Amino acid sequence: MATPMPSGAPLGAKLVEIRKKWGWFVAAGIAMIFFGMIALGNLFAATVAVMVVTGVMLIVAGVVEIIQAFGAKTWGKTIYWLLSGLLYAAAGVIALIDPALAAAGFTLMLAAVLFAVGVLRVIAGFDARPGEGWGWMVAAGVFTMLFGILIGVGWPINSIWLIGMILGIDLIFQGVAWISFGFALRAKR
């Protein structure tokens, strides 16, 4: 078992210690790719799993905020924290009771956010004219807007598989990145 590096250790010493663990990065990457493929194999189950985990996190966050409410010094802050915590907890309970409903709400919100971010990117791109690359920024904004529209047009039907697909694809890309990182560390030994 390796001894932990002191926080004041030079960067080179920390890199040497990390390079010794290159295999763990590769193993983590393989696991992520494996789970990403499982998610892509059953998109509905992956979507439900994301909503259940999100529901649990919302309930925990809600409980923490409710506890925080009773530590507030003024009634205004107590009510704010209490209401905020109750809303978080209620959203978490809804996600646990009806993950498909939660996925539908999340998917619609994703469509709206992507459309809005796309609009902002287009505006920022035109604002950057005549600088280099402004056209790419506009193109990226248009693509993001179109992706948001595409998700919105497919709503609510796409709600049962979209989040699972995004999870699966993300896990696979992240897995490839970890494997590449691990082998890059190994090559520098």
N, C-alpha and C. Protein backbone atom coordinates (compact mmCIF):
# COMPACT_ATOMS: atom_id res chain seq x y z
N MET A 1 0.85 -1.18 0.00
CA MET A 1 0.00 0.00 0.00
C MET A 1 0.89 1.24 0.00
N ALA A 2 0.62 2.13 -0.94
CA ALA A 2 1.43 3.33 -1.07
C ALA A 2 1.09 4.33 0.02
N THR A 3 2.09 5.05 0.45
CA THR A 3 1.85 6.09 1.45
C THR A 3 1.30 7.32 0.76
N PRO A 4 0.37 8.01 1.40
CA PRO A 4 -0.20 9.20 0.76
C PRO A 4 0.87 10.28 0.63
N MET A 5 0.75 11.01 -0.48
CA MET A 5 1.69 12.10 -0.73
C MET A 5 1.30 13.30 0.12
N PRO A 6 2.27 13.95 0.77
CA PRO A 6 1.93 15.17 1.50
C PRO A 6 1.43 16.23 0.53
N SER A 7 0.55 17.09 1.01
CA SER A 7 -0.04 18.09 0.13
C SER A 7 0.99 19.05 -0.42
N GLY A 8 2.12 19.20 0.26
CA GLY A 8 3.15 20.11 -0.22
C GLY A 8 4.17 19.43 -1.11
N ALA A 9 3.95 18.16 -1.48
CA ALA A 9 4.91 17.45 -2.32
C ALA A 9 4.98 18.11 -3.69
N PRO A 10 6.17 18.11 -4.30
CA PRO A 10 6.29 18.72 -5.62
C PRO A 10 5.45 17.95 -6.65
N LEU A 11 5.05 18.66 -7.70
CA LEU A 11 4.19 18.08 -8.73
C LEU A 11 4.83 16.85 -9.35
N GLY A 12 6.12 16.88 -9.59
CA GLY A 12 6.80 15.73 -10.18
C GLY A 12 6.64 14.48 -9.35
N ALA A 13 6.75 14.60 -8.03
CA ALA A 13 6.59 13.44 -7.14
C ALA A 13 5.15 12.93 -7.19
N LYS A 14 4.20 13.83 -7.28
CA LYS A 14 2.80 13.42 -7.38
C LYS A 14 2.55 12.69 -8.69
N LEU A 15 3.12 13.17 -9.79
CA LEU A 15 2.95 12.52 -11.08
C LEU A 15 3.57 11.13 -11.08
N VAL A 16 4.72 10.97 -10.44
CA VAL A 16 5.36 9.65 -10.36
C VAL A 16 4.43 8.69 -9.63
N GLU A 17 3.82 9.15 -8.55
CA GLU A 17 2.90 8.31 -7.78
C GLU A 17 1.65 7.96 -8.60
N ILE A 18 1.12 8.91 -9.35
CA ILE A 18 -0.06 8.67 -10.18
C ILE A 18 0.28 7.70 -11.31
N ARG A 19 1.46 7.84 -11.89
CA ARG A 19 1.86 6.95 -12.99
C ARG A 19 1.92 5.49 -12.56
N LYS A 20 2.21 5.25 -11.29
CA LYS A 20 2.26 3.88 -10.79
C LYS A 20 0.87 3.24 -10.80
N LYS A 21 -0.15 4.05 -10.84
CA LYS A 21 -1.53 3.56 -10.77
C LYS A 21 -2.22 3.58 -12.14
N TRP A 22 -1.45 3.55 -13.20
CA TRP A 22 -2.03 3.64 -14.54
C TRP A 22 -3.07 2.55 -14.80
N GLY A 23 -2.84 1.38 -14.27
CA GLY A 23 -3.76 0.26 -14.48
C GLY A 23 -5.14 0.51 -13.91
N TRP A 24 -5.22 1.25 -12.82
CA TRP A 24 -6.52 1.56 -12.22
C TRP A 24 -7.34 2.46 -13.14
N PHE A 25 -6.66 3.38 -13.83
CA PHE A 25 -7.37 4.25 -14.78
C PHE A 25 -7.91 3.42 -15.94
N VAL A 26 -7.10 2.49 -16.43
CA VAL A 26 -7.53 1.62 -17.52
C VAL A 26 -8.70 0.75 -17.07
N ALA A 27 -8.61 0.18 -15.87
CA ALA A 27 -9.69 -0.66 -15.35
C ALA A 27 -10.98 0.14 -15.19
N ALA A 28 -10.85 1.36 -14.67
CA ALA A 28 -12.04 2.21 -14.52
C ALA A 28 -12.65 2.52 -15.89
N GLY A 29 -11.82 2.77 -16.87
CA GLY A 29 -12.30 3.03 -18.22
C GLY A 29 -13.03 1.84 -18.82
N ILE A 30 -12.47 0.65 -18.62
CA ILE A 30 -13.13 -0.57 -19.12
C ILE A 30 -14.49 -0.74 -18.45
N ALA A 31 -14.54 -0.50 -17.13
CA ALA A 31 -15.81 -0.62 -16.41
C ALA A 31 -16.83 0.39 -16.94
N MET A 32 -16.38 1.61 -17.20
CA MET A 32 -17.32 2.63 -17.71
C MET A 32 -17.85 2.24 -19.08
N ILE A 33 -16.99 1.73 -19.93
CA ILE A 33 -17.45 1.29 -21.26
C ILE A 33 -18.44 0.14 -21.11
N PHE A 34 -18.15 -0.80 -20.23
CA PHE A 34 -19.05 -1.93 -19.99
C PHE A 34 -20.43 -1.44 -19.54
N PHE A 35 -20.45 -0.55 -18.54
CA PHE A 35 -21.73 -0.04 -18.05
C PHE A 35 -22.43 0.85 -19.08
N GLY A 36 -21.65 1.56 -19.88
CA GLY A 36 -22.25 2.35 -20.96
C GLY A 36 -22.93 1.48 -21.98
N MET A 37 -22.32 0.33 -22.29
CA MET A 37 -22.93 -0.61 -23.23
C MET A 37 -24.20 -1.23 -22.64
N ILE A 38 -24.17 -1.51 -21.34
CA ILE A 38 -25.38 -2.02 -20.68
C ILE A 38 -26.50 -0.97 -20.77
N ALA A 39 -26.15 0.29 -20.50
CA ALA A 39 -27.14 1.36 -20.57
C ALA A 39 -27.72 1.48 -21.98
N LEU A 40 -26.86 1.39 -22.99
CA LEU A 40 -27.35 1.48 -24.36
C LEU A 40 -28.17 0.25 -24.74
N GLY A 41 -27.91 -0.87 -24.09
CA GLY A 41 -28.67 -2.08 -24.36
C GLY A 41 -30.08 -2.04 -23.81
N ASN A 42 -30.32 -1.24 -22.78
CA ASN A 42 -31.67 -1.09 -22.23
C ASN A 42 -31.85 0.37 -21.81
N LEU A 43 -32.22 1.17 -22.78
CA LEU A 43 -32.33 2.62 -22.56
C LEU A 43 -33.38 2.98 -21.51
N PHE A 44 -34.50 2.26 -21.50
CA PHE A 44 -35.54 2.56 -20.52
C PHE A 44 -35.04 2.30 -19.11
N ALA A 45 -34.39 1.16 -18.89
CA ALA A 45 -33.86 0.85 -17.56
C ALA A 45 -32.81 1.87 -17.13
N ALA A 46 -31.98 2.30 -18.08
CA ALA A 46 -30.96 3.30 -17.76
C ALA A 46 -31.61 4.63 -17.39
N THR A 47 -32.66 5.01 -18.11
CA THR A 47 -33.37 6.25 -17.81
C THR A 47 -34.00 6.16 -16.42
N VAL A 48 -34.63 5.05 -16.12
CA VAL A 48 -35.24 4.87 -14.79
C VAL A 48 -34.16 4.93 -13.71
N ALA A 49 -33.02 4.30 -13.95
CA ALA A 49 -31.93 4.31 -12.97
C ALA A 49 -31.45 5.74 -12.70
N VAL A 50 -31.32 6.53 -13.76
CA VAL A 50 -30.90 7.93 -13.58
C VAL A 50 -31.93 8.69 -12.75
N MET A 51 -33.20 8.47 -13.03
CA MET A 51 -34.26 9.17 -12.31
C MET A 51 -34.32 8.72 -10.84
N VAL A 52 -34.08 7.44 -10.57
CA VAL A 52 -34.09 6.95 -9.19
C VAL A 52 -32.92 7.57 -8.42
N VAL A 53 -31.74 7.56 -9.02
CA VAL A 53 -30.58 8.16 -8.35
C VAL A 53 -30.81 9.66 -8.13
N THR A 54 -31.36 10.33 -9.13
CA THR A 54 -31.68 11.75 -9.00
C THR A 54 -32.70 11.97 -7.89
N GLY A 55 -33.70 11.11 -7.82
CA GLY A 55 -34.71 11.23 -6.77
C GLY A 55 -34.11 11.09 -5.39
N VAL A 56 -33.24 10.11 -5.21
CA VAL A 56 -32.59 9.92 -3.91
C VAL A 56 -31.75 11.15 -3.55
N MET A 57 -31.00 11.66 -4.52
CA MET A 57 -30.17 12.85 -4.25
C MET A 57 -31.04 14.06 -3.90
N LEU A 58 -32.17 14.22 -4.57
CA LEU A 58 -33.07 15.33 -4.26
C LEU A 58 -33.65 15.20 -2.86
N ILE A 59 -34.01 13.99 -2.46
CA ILE A 59 -34.55 13.78 -1.12
C ILE A 59 -33.49 14.10 -0.07
N VAL A 60 -32.27 13.62 -0.28
CA VAL A 60 -31.19 13.91 0.67
C VAL A 60 -30.94 15.42 0.74
N ALA A 61 -30.88 16.08 -0.41
CA ALA A 61 -30.68 17.53 -0.42
C ALA A 61 -31.84 18.24 0.28
N GLY A 62 -33.06 17.77 0.06
CA GLY A 62 -34.21 18.37 0.73
C GLY A 62 -34.15 18.22 2.23
N VAL A 63 -33.78 17.05 2.70
CA VAL A 63 -33.66 16.82 4.15
C VAL A 63 -32.58 17.74 4.74
N VAL A 64 -31.46 17.87 4.04
CA VAL A 64 -30.38 18.75 4.52
C VAL A 64 -30.89 20.19 4.61
N GLU A 65 -31.63 20.65 3.60
CA GLU A 65 -32.15 22.02 3.64
C GLU A 65 -33.20 22.20 4.73
N ILE A 66 -34.00 21.18 4.97
CA ILE A 66 -34.99 21.27 6.05
C ILE A 66 -34.28 21.37 7.39
N ILE A 67 -33.25 20.58 7.58
CA ILE A 67 -32.45 20.66 8.81
C ILE A 67 -31.80 22.04 8.93
N GLN A 68 -31.30 22.54 7.81
CA GLN A 68 -30.69 23.88 7.78
C GLN A 68 -31.70 24.94 8.18
N ALA A 69 -32.96 24.74 7.81
CA ALA A 69 -34.00 25.73 8.12
C ALA A 69 -34.11 25.96 9.62
N PHE A 70 -33.97 24.91 10.39
CA PHE A 70 -34.12 25.07 11.83
C PHE A 70 -32.90 25.69 12.50
N GLY A 71 -31.81 25.84 11.72
CA GLY A 71 -30.63 26.52 12.24
C GLY A 71 -30.58 27.99 11.84
N ALA A 72 -31.54 28.42 11.01
CA ALA A 72 -31.56 29.81 10.55
C ALA A 72 -31.95 30.73 11.70
N LYS A 73 -31.43 31.94 11.68
CA LYS A 73 -31.65 32.89 12.78
C LYS A 73 -32.96 33.66 12.66
N THR A 74 -33.47 33.83 11.43
CA THR A 74 -34.70 34.63 11.26
C THR A 74 -35.79 33.78 10.63
N TRP A 75 -37.04 34.19 10.84
CA TRP A 75 -38.18 33.45 10.29
C TRP A 75 -38.16 33.44 8.77
N GLY A 76 -37.77 34.56 8.16
CA GLY A 76 -37.72 34.63 6.70
C GLY A 76 -36.79 33.58 6.12
N LYS A 77 -35.63 33.45 6.72
CA LYS A 77 -34.67 32.46 6.24
C LYS A 77 -35.14 31.05 6.58
N THR A 78 -35.77 30.88 7.72
CA THR A 78 -36.29 29.57 8.09
C THR A 78 -37.32 29.11 7.08
N ILE A 79 -38.24 30.00 6.73
CA ILE A 79 -39.28 29.65 5.76
C ILE A 79 -38.67 29.36 4.39
N TYR A 80 -37.69 30.19 3.98
CA TYR A 80 -37.03 29.97 2.69
C TYR A 80 -36.39 28.59 2.64
N TRP A 81 -35.57 28.25 3.62
CA TRP A 81 -34.89 26.96 3.64
C TRP A 81 -35.89 25.81 3.76
N LEU A 82 -36.93 26.01 4.57
CA LEU A 82 -37.92 24.96 4.76
C LEU A 82 -38.68 24.69 3.45
N LEU A 83 -39.15 25.75 2.79
CA LEU A 83 -39.85 25.58 1.52
C LEU A 83 -38.94 24.98 0.45
N SER A 84 -37.73 25.46 0.40
CA SER A 84 -36.77 24.94 -0.57
C SER A 84 -36.53 23.45 -0.33
N GLY A 85 -36.33 23.08 0.92
CA GLY A 85 -36.12 21.68 1.25
C GLY A 85 -37.32 20.82 0.94
N LEU A 86 -38.52 21.33 1.23
CA LEU A 86 -39.73 20.58 0.94
C LEU A 86 -39.92 20.38 -0.57
N LEU A 87 -39.60 21.40 -1.36
CA LEU A 87 -39.70 21.27 -2.82
C LEU A 87 -38.71 20.24 -3.35
N TYR A 88 -37.47 20.29 -2.86
CA TYR A 88 -36.48 19.30 -3.27
C TYR A 88 -36.96 17.89 -2.91
N ALA A 89 -37.39 17.72 -1.68
CA ALA A 89 -37.83 16.40 -1.23
C ALA A 89 -39.04 15.92 -2.03
N ALA A 90 -39.98 16.83 -2.31
CA ALA A 90 -41.16 16.45 -3.09
C ALA A 90 -40.76 16.03 -4.50
N ALA A 91 -39.85 16.77 -5.12
CA ALA A 91 -39.38 16.39 -6.46
C ALA A 91 -38.70 15.03 -6.41
N GLY A 92 -37.95 14.77 -5.36
CA GLY A 92 -37.29 13.47 -5.21
C GLY A 92 -38.29 12.35 -5.04
N VAL A 93 -39.33 12.57 -4.27
CA VAL A 93 -40.36 11.55 -4.07
C VAL A 93 -41.07 11.28 -5.40
N ILE A 94 -41.38 12.32 -6.15
CA ILE A 94 -42.02 12.14 -7.46
C ILE A 94 -41.13 11.32 -8.38
N ALA A 95 -39.82 11.62 -8.37
CA ALA A 95 -38.88 10.87 -9.22
C ALA A 95 -38.83 9.40 -8.82
N LEU A 96 -38.96 9.11 -7.54
CA LEU A 96 -38.94 7.71 -7.09
C LEU A 96 -40.27 7.00 -7.38
N ILE A 97 -41.38 7.70 -7.19
CA ILE A 97 -42.69 7.09 -7.40
C ILE A 97 -42.99 6.90 -8.88
N ASP A 98 -42.66 7.92 -9.68
CA ASP A 98 -42.96 7.87 -11.12
C ASP A 98 -41.74 8.35 -11.93
N PRO A 99 -40.75 7.47 -12.10
CA PRO A 99 -39.55 7.87 -12.84
C PRO A 99 -39.84 8.31 -14.28
N ALA A 100 -40.88 7.74 -14.90
CA ALA A 100 -41.21 8.13 -16.27
C ALA A 100 -41.69 9.59 -16.31
N LEU A 101 -42.48 9.99 -15.33
CA LEU A 101 -42.93 11.39 -15.25
C LEU A 101 -41.74 12.31 -15.02
N ALA A 102 -40.86 11.91 -14.12
CA ALA A 102 -39.66 12.72 -13.86
C ALA A 102 -38.80 12.83 -15.12
N ALA A 103 -38.67 11.72 -15.84
CA ALA A 103 -37.88 11.74 -17.07
C ALA A 103 -38.51 12.66 -18.11
N ALA A 104 -39.85 12.67 -18.18
CA ALA A 104 -40.53 13.55 -19.12
C ALA A 104 -40.26 15.02 -18.78
N GLY A 105 -40.36 15.36 -17.50
CA GLY A 105 -40.06 16.74 -17.09
C GLY A 105 -38.61 17.11 -17.35
N PHE A 106 -37.71 16.20 -17.05
CA PHE A 106 -36.29 16.46 -17.25
C PHE A 106 -35.98 16.62 -18.74
N THR A 107 -36.59 15.78 -19.57
CA THR A 107 -36.35 15.85 -21.02
C THR A 107 -36.87 17.16 -21.60
N LEU A 108 -38.04 17.58 -21.17
CA LEU A 108 -38.58 18.86 -21.65
C LEU A 108 -37.70 20.02 -21.21
N MET A 109 -37.23 19.95 -19.98
CA MET A 109 -36.33 20.99 -19.48
C MET A 109 -35.02 20.99 -20.28
N LEU A 110 -34.51 19.80 -20.61
CA LEU A 110 -33.28 19.70 -21.40
C LEU A 110 -33.48 20.34 -22.77
N ALA A 111 -34.62 20.08 -23.40
CA ALA A 111 -34.91 20.68 -24.70
C ALA A 111 -34.93 22.20 -24.62
N ALA A 112 -35.58 22.73 -23.59
CA ALA A 112 -35.66 24.19 -23.43
C ALA A 112 -34.29 24.79 -23.16
N VAL A 113 -33.51 24.14 -22.31
CA VAL A 113 -32.18 24.66 -21.98
C VAL A 113 -31.28 24.63 -23.22
N LEU A 114 -31.30 23.54 -23.97
CA LEU A 114 -30.47 23.46 -25.18
C LEU A 114 -30.86 24.54 -26.18
N PHE A 115 -32.16 24.76 -26.36
CA PHE A 115 -32.59 25.81 -27.28
C PHE A 115 -32.11 27.17 -26.81
N ALA A 116 -32.28 27.46 -25.51
CA ALA A 116 -31.87 28.76 -24.97
C ALA A 116 -30.35 28.95 -25.07
N VAL A 117 -29.58 27.92 -24.76
CA VAL A 117 -28.12 28.01 -24.85
C VAL A 117 -27.71 28.22 -26.30
N GLY A 118 -28.39 27.54 -27.22
CA GLY A 118 -28.10 27.74 -28.64
C GLY A 118 -28.33 29.17 -29.08
N VAL A 119 -29.44 29.75 -28.65
CA VAL A 119 -29.73 31.15 -28.97
C VAL A 119 -28.62 32.06 -28.44
N LEU A 120 -28.21 31.82 -27.19
CA LEU A 120 -27.15 32.64 -26.60
C LEU A 120 -25.83 32.48 -27.35
N ARG A 121 -25.52 31.27 -27.81
CA ARG A 121 -24.29 31.05 -28.58
C ARG A 121 -24.34 31.78 -29.91
N VAL A 122 -25.49 31.77 -30.55
CA VAL A 122 -25.63 32.48 -31.82
C VAL A 122 -25.42 33.98 -31.59
N ILE A 123 -26.04 34.51 -30.56
CA ILE A 123 -25.89 35.94 -30.24
C ILE A 123 -24.42 36.25 -29.94
N ALA A 124 -23.77 35.40 -29.12
CA ALA A 124 -22.36 35.62 -28.79
C ALA A 124 -21.50 35.53 -30.04
N GLY A 125 -21.82 34.61 -30.94
CA GLY A 125 -21.05 34.48 -32.18
C GLY A 125 -21.14 35.72 -33.04
N PHE A 126 -22.36 36.23 -33.22
CA PHE A 126 -22.52 37.45 -34.02
C PHE A 126 -21.89 38.64 -33.32
N ASP A 127 -21.90 38.63 -32.00
CA ASP A 127 -21.27 39.70 -31.24
C ASP A 127 -19.75 39.68 -31.39
N ALA A 128 -19.20 38.50 -31.66
CA ALA A 128 -17.74 38.36 -31.79
C ALA A 128 -17.23 38.75 -33.18
N ARG A 129 -18.15 39.05 -34.12
CA ARG A 129 -17.72 39.45 -35.46
C ARG A 129 -16.89 40.71 -35.39
N PRO A 130 -15.93 40.93 -36.15
CA PRO A 130 -15.38 40.13 -37.24
C PRO A 130 -14.20 39.26 -36.77
N GLY A 131 -14.15 38.95 -35.49
CA GLY A 131 -13.04 38.15 -34.97
C GLY A 131 -13.00 36.76 -35.57
N GLU A 132 -11.85 36.13 -35.41
CA GLU A 132 -11.65 34.78 -35.95
C GLU A 132 -12.57 33.79 -35.25
N GLY A 133 -13.17 32.91 -36.01
CA GLY A 133 -13.96 31.82 -35.45
C GLY A 133 -15.38 32.15 -35.08
N TRP A 134 -15.83 33.37 -35.35
CA TRP A 134 -17.18 33.73 -34.95
C TRP A 134 -18.22 32.86 -35.66
N GLY A 135 -17.93 32.49 -36.90
CA GLY A 135 -18.85 31.65 -37.66
C GLY A 135 -19.02 30.27 -37.04
N TRP A 136 -17.94 29.74 -36.47
CA TRP A 136 -18.02 28.44 -35.81
C TRP A 136 -18.90 28.53 -34.57
N MET A 137 -18.80 29.66 -33.88
CA MET A 137 -19.63 29.84 -32.69
C MET A 137 -21.11 29.92 -33.07
N VAL A 138 -21.39 30.62 -34.15
CA VAL A 138 -22.77 30.71 -34.63
C VAL A 138 -23.26 29.33 -35.07
N ALA A 139 -22.41 28.60 -35.79
CA ALA A 139 -22.79 27.26 -36.25
C ALA A 139 -23.05 26.33 -35.06
N ALA A 140 -22.20 26.41 -34.04
CA ALA A 140 -22.41 25.59 -32.85
C ALA A 140 -23.71 25.97 -32.16
N GLY A 141 -24.03 27.24 -32.12
CA GLY A 141 -25.28 27.69 -31.53
C GLY A 141 -26.48 27.19 -32.30
N VAL A 142 -26.41 27.26 -33.63
CA VAL A 142 -27.51 26.76 -34.46
C VAL A 142 -27.69 25.26 -34.23
N PHE A 143 -26.58 24.51 -34.19
CA PHE A 143 -26.66 23.07 -33.95
C PHE A 143 -27.30 22.78 -32.59
N THR A 144 -26.90 23.51 -31.55
CA THR A 144 -27.47 23.31 -30.22
C THR A 144 -28.96 23.64 -30.21
N MET A 145 -29.35 24.72 -30.91
CA MET A 145 -30.77 25.07 -31.01
C MET A 145 -31.55 23.96 -31.70
N LEU A 146 -31.00 23.46 -32.81
CA LEU A 146 -31.68 22.40 -33.54
C LEU A 146 -31.80 21.12 -32.71
N PHE A 147 -30.77 20.82 -31.93
CA PHE A 147 -30.82 19.65 -31.05
C PHE A 147 -31.92 19.82 -30.01
N GLY A 148 -32.03 21.03 -29.46
CA GLY A 148 -33.10 21.32 -28.51
C GLY A 148 -34.47 21.19 -29.15
N ILE A 149 -34.61 21.69 -30.37
CA ILE A 149 -35.88 21.57 -31.09
C ILE A 149 -36.20 20.10 -31.37
N LEU A 150 -35.20 19.35 -31.80
CA LEU A 150 -35.39 17.93 -32.09
C LEU A 150 -35.87 17.17 -30.85
N ILE A 151 -35.27 17.45 -29.71
CA ILE A 151 -35.71 16.82 -28.47
C ILE A 151 -37.12 17.26 -28.13
N GLY A 152 -37.41 18.55 -28.28
CA GLY A 152 -38.75 19.06 -27.98
C GLY A 152 -39.82 18.48 -28.88
N VAL A 153 -39.53 18.31 -30.15
CA VAL A 153 -40.51 17.75 -31.09
C VAL A 153 -40.80 16.29 -30.75
N GLY A 154 -39.80 15.56 -30.27
CA GLY A 154 -39.98 14.16 -29.92
C GLY A 154 -40.58 13.93 -28.55
N TRP A 155 -40.74 15.01 -27.78
CA TRP A 155 -41.26 14.91 -26.41
C TRP A 155 -42.75 14.62 -26.45
N PRO A 156 -43.31 13.83 -25.62
CA PRO A 156 -42.76 13.13 -24.47
C PRO A 156 -42.29 11.70 -24.78
N ILE A 157 -42.48 11.25 -26.03
CA ILE A 157 -42.13 9.88 -26.39
C ILE A 157 -40.65 9.60 -26.13
N ASN A 158 -39.78 10.54 -26.48
CA ASN A 158 -38.34 10.31 -26.32
C ASN A 158 -37.89 10.32 -24.86
N SER A 159 -38.77 10.71 -23.96
CA SER A 159 -38.41 10.78 -22.54
C SER A 159 -38.03 9.43 -21.96
N ILE A 160 -38.60 8.36 -22.50
CA ILE A 160 -38.34 7.05 -21.91
C ILE A 160 -37.00 6.45 -22.31
N TRP A 161 -36.33 7.04 -23.31
CA TRP A 161 -35.04 6.49 -23.73
C TRP A 161 -33.91 7.51 -23.83
N LEU A 162 -34.23 8.78 -23.96
CA LEU A 162 -33.19 9.79 -24.24
C LEU A 162 -32.16 9.91 -23.12
N ILE A 163 -32.60 9.99 -21.89
CA ILE A 163 -31.67 10.16 -20.77
C ILE A 163 -30.77 8.95 -20.64
N GLY A 164 -31.33 7.75 -20.84
CA GLY A 164 -30.52 6.53 -20.81
C GLY A 164 -29.50 6.51 -21.93
N MET A 165 -29.88 7.00 -23.11
CA MET A 165 -28.94 7.06 -24.23
C MET A 165 -27.80 8.03 -23.94
N ILE A 166 -28.14 9.19 -23.41
CA ILE A 166 -27.11 10.17 -23.08
C ILE A 166 -26.16 9.59 -22.03
N LEU A 167 -26.71 8.91 -21.02
CA LEU A 167 -25.88 8.27 -20.01
C LEU A 167 -24.95 7.24 -20.63
N GLY A 168 -25.49 6.36 -21.47
CA GLY A 168 -24.67 5.31 -22.09
C GLY A 168 -23.56 5.88 -22.94
N ILE A 169 -23.88 6.85 -23.78
CA ILE A 169 -22.86 7.47 -24.63
C ILE A 169 -21.81 8.17 -23.79
N ASP A 170 -22.23 8.89 -22.76
CA ASP A 170 -21.28 9.58 -21.89
C ASP A 170 -20.34 8.60 -21.19
N LEU A 171 -20.89 7.50 -20.68
CA LEU A 171 -20.05 6.51 -20.01
C LEU A 171 -19.02 5.92 -20.97
N ILE A 172 -19.42 5.65 -22.19
CA ILE A 172 -18.48 5.09 -23.17
C ILE A 172 -17.38 6.09 -23.50
N PHE A 173 -17.73 7.33 -23.77
CA PHE A 173 -16.71 8.34 -24.07
C PHE A 173 -15.79 8.57 -22.87
N GLN A 174 -16.36 8.61 -21.68
CA GLN A 174 -15.55 8.80 -20.48
C GLN A 174 -14.63 7.60 -20.27
N GLY A 175 -15.14 6.40 -20.55
CA GLY A 175 -14.32 5.19 -20.43
C GLY A 175 -13.14 5.22 -21.38
N VAL A 176 -13.38 5.62 -22.62
CA VAL A 176 -12.29 5.73 -23.60
C VAL A 176 -11.26 6.75 -23.12
N ALA A 177 -11.74 7.85 -22.56
CA ALA A 177 -10.82 8.89 -22.06
C ALA A 177 -9.96 8.35 -20.92
N TRP A 178 -10.57 7.61 -19.97
CA TRP A 178 -9.80 7.06 -18.85
C TRP A 178 -8.78 6.03 -19.33
N ILE A 179 -9.18 5.18 -20.29
CA ILE A 179 -8.24 4.19 -20.82
C ILE A 179 -7.07 4.89 -21.50
N SER A 180 -7.37 5.90 -22.31
CA SER A 180 -6.30 6.66 -22.98
C SER A 180 -5.38 7.32 -21.97
N PHE A 181 -5.97 7.89 -20.93
CA PHE A 181 -5.18 8.54 -19.89
C PHE A 181 -4.28 7.52 -19.19
N GLY A 182 -4.83 6.36 -18.86
CA GLY A 182 -4.06 5.32 -18.19
C GLY A 182 -2.88 4.85 -19.03
N PHE A 183 -3.13 4.60 -20.32
CA PHE A 183 -2.03 4.15 -21.19
C PHE A 183 -1.01 5.26 -21.43
N ALA A 184 -1.47 6.52 -21.45
CA ALA A 184 -0.53 7.64 -21.57
C ALA A 184 0.36 7.72 -20.33
N LEU A 185 -0.20 7.49 -19.15
CA LEU A 185 0.60 7.46 -17.93
C LEU A 185 1.63 6.33 -17.99
N ARG A 186 1.20 5.17 -18.46
CA ARG A 186 2.08 3.99 -18.55
C ARG A 186 3.25 4.26 -19.49
N ALA A 187 2.98 4.95 -20.60
CA ALA A 187 4.02 5.22 -21.59
C ALA A 187 5.08 6.16 -21.05
N LYS A 188 4.75 6.97 -20.07
CA LYS A 188 5.69 7.97 -19.53
C LYS A 188 6.48 7.43 -18.36
N ARG A 189 6.30 6.15 -17.99
CA ARG A 189 7.00 5.58 -16.83
C ARG A 189 8.46 5.57 -17.01
